[in-house]
Amino acid sequence: MEHFAPQVSIVTGGANGIGRALAQLLVERGGHVVIADLDLAAAMRTAR
């Protein structure tokens, strides 16, 4: 992601595992992330 331009991204399964890692990376690179997951409590923890 050398030429990454911050955008809005939706990460499904973003509360755990690869989805969580991807969401964190996108935020670190300046993006805005929507975390979608069936486990609302875990998604809220990840968002914080």
PDB file of N, CA and C in Angstrom:
ATOM      1  N   MET A   1       0.825  -1.180   0.000  1.00  0.00           N
ATOM      2  CA  MET A   1       0.000   0.000   0.000  1.00  0.00           C
ATOM      3  C   MET A   1       0.873   1.249   0.000  1.00  0.00           C
ATOM      4  N   GLU A   2       1.843   1.260  -0.822  1.00  0.00           N
ATOM      5  CA  GLU A   2       2.757   2.389  -0.895  1.00  0.00           C
ATOM      6  C   GLU A   2       2.055   3.673  -1.325  1.00  0.00           C
ATOM      7  N   HIS A   3       1.089   3.576  -2.239  1.00  0.00           N
ATOM      8  CA  HIS A   3       0.409   4.753  -2.782  1.00  0.00           C
ATOM      9  C   HIS A   3      -1.007   4.865  -2.229  1.00  0.00           C
ATOM     10  N   PHE A   4      -1.167   4.565  -0.958  1.00  0.00           N
ATOM     11  CA  PHE A   4      -2.484   4.570  -0.332  1.00  0.00           C
ATOM     12  C   PHE A   4      -2.976   5.989  -0.125  1.00  0.00           C
ATOM     13  N   ALA A   5      -4.179   6.275  -0.568  1.00  0.00           N
ATOM     14  CA  ALA A   5      -4.825   7.562  -0.326  1.00  0.00           C
ATOM     15  C   ALA A   5      -5.972   7.307   0.659  1.00  0.00           C
ATOM     16  N   PRO A   6      -6.002   7.992   1.808  1.00  0.00           N
ATOM     17  CA  PRO A   6      -7.047   7.754   2.800  1.00  0.00           C
ATOM     18  C   PRO A   6      -8.444   7.845   2.201  1.00  0.00           C
ATOM     19  N   GLN A   7      -9.277   6.888   2.565  1.00  0.00           N
ATOM     20  CA  GLN A   7     -10.635   6.804   2.066  1.00  0.00           C
ATOM     21  C   GLN A   7     -11.511   6.231   3.167  1.00  0.00           C
ATOM     22  N   VAL A   8     -12.769   5.991   2.831  1.00  0.00           N
ATOM     23  CA  VAL A   8     -13.668   5.277   3.724  1.00  0.00           C
ATOM     24  C   VAL A   8     -13.699   3.825   3.266  1.00  0.00           C
ATOM     25  N   SER A   9     -13.486   2.910   4.209  1.00  0.00           N
ATOM     26  CA  SER A   9     -13.480   1.482   3.907  1.00  0.00           C
ATOM     27  C   SER A   9     -14.470   0.776   4.814  1.00  0.00           C
ATOM     28  N   ILE A  10     -15.082  -0.280   4.305  1.00  0.00           N
ATOM     29  CA  ILE A  10     -15.947  -1.150   5.100  1.00  0.00           C
ATOM     30  C   ILE A  10     -15.242  -2.490   5.202  1.00  0.00           C
ATOM     31  N   VAL A  11     -14.982  -2.921   6.433  1.00  0.00           N
ATOM     32  CA  VAL A  11     -14.309  -4.194   6.649  1.00  0.00           C
ATOM     33  C   VAL A  11     -15.316  -5.150   7.278  1.00  0.00           C
ATOM     34  N   THR A  12     -15.734  -6.164   6.526  1.00  0.00           N
ATOM     35  CA  THR A  12     -16.640  -7.170   7.068  1.00  0.00           C
ATOM     36  C   THR A  12     -15.805  -8.182   7.845  1.00  0.00           C
ATOM     37  N   GLY A  13     -16.356  -8.642   8.958  1.00  0.00           N
ATOM     38  CA  GLY A  13     -15.593  -9.526   9.827  1.00  0.00           C
ATOM     39  C   GLY A  13     -14.453  -8.781  10.505  1.00  0.00           C
ATOM     40  N   GLY A  14     -14.662  -7.496  10.741  1.00  0.00           N
ATOM     41  CA  GLY A  14     -13.593  -6.636  11.237  1.00  0.00           C
ATOM     42  C   GLY A  14     -13.341  -6.682  12.727  1.00  0.00           C
ATOM     43  N   ALA A  15     -14.082  -7.504  13.465  1.00  0.00           N
ATOM     44  CA  ALA A  15     -13.917  -7.538  14.915  1.00  0.00           C
ATOM     45  C   ALA A  15     -12.746  -8.400  15.361  1.00  0.00           C
ATOM     46  N   ASN A  16     -12.347  -9.355  14.537  1.00  0.00           N
ATOM     47  CA  ASN A  16     -11.313 -10.308  14.940  1.00  0.00           C
ATOM     48  C   ASN A  16     -10.434 -10.702  13.761  1.00  0.00           C
ATOM     49  N   GLY A  17      -9.308 -11.283  14.072  1.00  0.00           N
ATOM     50  CA  GLY A  17      -8.445 -11.907  13.076  1.00  0.00           C
ATOM     51  C   GLY A  17      -7.944 -10.972  11.989  1.00  0.00           C
ATOM     52  N   ILE A  18      -7.990 -11.478  10.755  1.00  0.00           N
ATOM     53  CA  ILE A  18      -7.483 -10.730   9.607  1.00  0.00           C
ATOM     54  C   ILE A  18      -8.273  -9.442   9.396  1.00  0.00           C
ATOM     55  N   GLY A  19      -9.576  -9.499   9.592  1.00  0.00           N
ATOM     56  CA  GLY A  19     -10.400  -8.305   9.427  1.00  0.00           C
ATOM     57  C   GLY A  19     -10.009  -7.203  10.393  1.00  0.00           C
ATOM     58  N   ARG A  20      -9.746  -7.589  11.627  1.00  0.00           N
ATOM     59  CA  ARG A  20      -9.325  -6.607  12.634  1.00  0.00           C
ATOM     60  C   ARG A  20      -7.970  -6.005  12.268  1.00  0.00           C
ATOM     61  N   ALA A  21      -7.036  -6.861  11.856  1.00  0.00           N
ATOM     62  CA  ALA A  21      -5.701  -6.385  11.470  1.00  0.00           C
ATOM     63  C   ALA A  21      -5.796  -5.425  10.286  1.00  0.00           C
ATOM     64  N   LEU A  22      -6.653  -5.750   9.321  1.00  0.00           N
ATOM     65  CA  LEU A  22      -6.826  -4.882   8.159  1.00  0.00           C
ATOM     66  C   LEU A  22      -7.427  -3.540   8.569  1.00  0.00           C
ATOM     67  N   ALA A  23      -8.446  -3.575   9.419  1.00  0.00           N
ATOM     68  CA  ALA A  23      -9.066  -2.332   9.883  1.00  0.00           C
ATOM     69  C   ALA A  23      -8.049  -1.449  10.597  1.00  0.00           C
ATOM     70  N   GLN A  24      -7.233  -2.047  11.456  1.00  0.00           N
ATOM     71  CA  GLN A  24      -6.219  -1.280  12.176  1.00  0.00           C
ATOM     72  C   GLN A  24      -5.203  -0.671  11.215  1.00  0.00           C
ATOM     73  N   LEU A  25      -4.784  -1.438  10.223  1.00  0.00           N
ATOM     74  CA  LEU A  25      -3.816  -0.929   9.248  1.00  0.00           C
ATOM     75  C   LEU A  25      -4.390   0.247   8.463  1.00  0.00           C
ATOM     76  N   LEU A  26      -5.637   0.130   8.042  1.00  0.00           N
ATOM     77  CA  LEU A  26      -6.269   1.209   7.289  1.00  0.00           C
ATOM     78  C   LEU A  26      -6.369   2.488   8.119  1.00  0.00           C
ATOM     79  N   VAL A  27      -6.703   2.346   9.400  1.00  0.00           N
ATOM     80  CA  VAL A  27      -6.780   3.513  10.288  1.00  0.00           C
ATOM     81  C   VAL A  27      -5.397   4.124  10.471  1.00  0.00           C
ATOM     82  N   GLU A  28      -4.384   3.271  10.675  1.00  0.00           N
ATOM     83  CA  GLU A  28      -3.013   3.768  10.833  1.00  0.00           C
ATOM     84  C   GLU A  28      -2.547   4.544   9.607  1.00  0.00           C
ATOM     85  N   ARG A  29      -3.067   4.174   8.433  1.00  0.00           N
ATOM     86  CA  ARG A  29      -2.695   4.851   7.194  1.00  0.00           C
ATOM     87  C   ARG A  29      -3.566   6.068   6.908  1.00  0.00           C
ATOM     88  N   GLY A  30      -4.452   6.424   7.856  1.00  0.00           N
ATOM     89  CA  GLY A  30      -5.238   7.640   7.712  1.00  0.00           C
ATOM     90  C   GLY A  30      -6.640   7.459   7.175  1.00  0.00           C
ATOM     91  N   GLY A  31      -7.082   6.230   7.000  1.00  0.00           N
ATOM     92  CA  GLY A  31      -8.409   5.979   6.465  1.00  0.00           C
ATOM     93  C   GLY A  31      -9.494   6.012   7.530  1.00  0.00           C
ATOM     94  N   HIS A  32     -10.722   6.084   7.095  1.00  0.00           N
ATOM     95  CA  HIS A  32     -11.894   5.987   7.960  1.00  0.00           C
ATOM     96  C   HIS A  32     -12.474   4.601   7.720  1.00  0.00           C
ATOM     97  N   VAL A  33     -12.750   3.858   8.797  1.00  0.00           N
ATOM     98  CA  VAL A  33     -13.146   2.459   8.662  1.00  0.00           C
ATOM     99  C   VAL A  33     -14.484   2.204   9.340  1.00  0.00           C
ATOM    100  N   VAL A  34     -15.355   1.511   8.626  1.00  0.00           N
ATOM    101  CA  VAL A  34     -16.598   0.986   9.176  1.00  0.00           C
ATOM    102  C   VAL A  34     -16.341  -0.488   9.449  1.00  0.00           C
ATOM    103  N   ILE A  35     -16.514  -0.904  10.703  1.00  0.00           N
ATOM    104  CA  ILE A  35     -16.293  -2.301  11.072  1.00  0.00           C
ATOM    105  C   ILE A  35     -17.649  -2.995  11.120  1.00  0.00           C
ATOM    106  N   ALA A  36     -17.823  -3.981  10.258  1.00  0.00           N
ATOM    107  CA  ALA A  36     -19.060  -4.755  10.217  1.00  0.00           C
ATOM    108  C   ALA A  36     -18.769  -6.169  10.706  1.00  0.00           C
ATOM    109  N   ASP A  37     -19.558  -6.632  11.684  1.00  0.00           N
ATOM    110  CA  ASP A  37     -19.354  -7.970  12.220  1.00  0.00           C
ATOM    111  C   ASP A  37     -20.637  -8.413  12.916  1.00  0.00           C
ATOM    112  N   LEU A  38     -20.886  -9.706  12.940  1.00  0.00           N
ATOM    113  CA  LEU A  38     -22.056 -10.229  13.638  1.00  0.00           C
ATOM    114  C   LEU A  38     -21.910 -10.106  15.152  1.00  0.00           C
ATOM    115  N   ASP A  39     -20.676 -10.047  15.636  1.00  0.00           N
ATOM    116  CA  ASP A  39     -20.401  -9.915  17.066  1.00  0.00           C
ATOM    117  C   ASP A  39     -20.268  -8.422  17.394  1.00  0.00           C
ATOM    118  N   LEU A  40     -21.378  -7.801  17.764  1.00  0.00           N
ATOM    119  CA  LEU A  40     -21.400  -6.360  17.995  1.00  0.00           C
ATOM    120  C   LEU A  40     -20.444  -5.941  19.109  1.00  0.00           C
ATOM    121  N   ALA A  41     -20.405  -6.695  20.202  1.00  0.00           N
ATOM    122  CA  ALA A  41     -19.537  -6.333  21.326  1.00  0.00           C
ATOM    123  C   ALA A  41     -18.073  -6.320  20.901  1.00  0.00           C
ATOM    124  N   ALA A  42     -17.647  -7.321  20.139  1.00  0.00           N
ATOM    125  CA  ALA A  42     -16.255  -7.379  19.665  1.00  0.00           C
ATOM    126  C   ALA A  42     -15.985  -6.259  18.674  1.00  0.00           C
ATOM    127  N   ALA A  43     -16.953  -5.936  17.829  1.00  0.00           N
ATOM    128  CA  ALA A  43     -16.781  -4.849  16.863  1.00  0.00           C
ATOM    129  C   ALA A  43     -16.623  -3.513  17.591  1.00  0.00           C
ATOM    130  N   MET A  44     -17.382  -3.320  18.642  1.00  0.00           N
ATOM    131  CA  MET A  44     -17.279  -2.083  19.424  1.00  0.00           C
ATOM    132  C   MET A  44     -15.904  -1.989  20.103  1.00  0.00           C
ATOM    133  N   ARG A  45     -15.399  -3.106  20.637  1.00  0.00           N
ATOM    134  CA  ARG A  45     -14.066  -3.104  21.260  1.00  0.00           C
ATOM    135  C   ARG A  45     -13.000  -2.762  20.235  1.00  0.00           C
ATOM    136  N   THR A  46     -13.104  -3.327  19.050  1.00  0.00           N
ATOM    137  CA  THR A  46     -12.141  -3.063  17.991  1.00  0.00           C
ATOM    138  C   THR A  46     -12.190  -1.593  17.579  1.00  0.00           C
ATOM    139  N   ALA A  47     -13.386  -1.054  17.477  1.00  0.00           N
ATOM    140  CA  ALA A  47     -13.544   0.345  17.066  1.00  0.00           C
ATOM    141  C   ALA A  47     -12.903   1.303  18.070  1.00  0.00           C
ATOM    142  N   ARG A  48     -12.958   0.949  19.333  1.00  0.00           N
ATOM    143  CA  ARG A  48     -12.343   1.812  20.354  1.00  0.00           C
ATOM    144  C   ARG A  48     -10.853   1.772  20.235  1.00  0.00           C
TER     145      ARG A  48
END
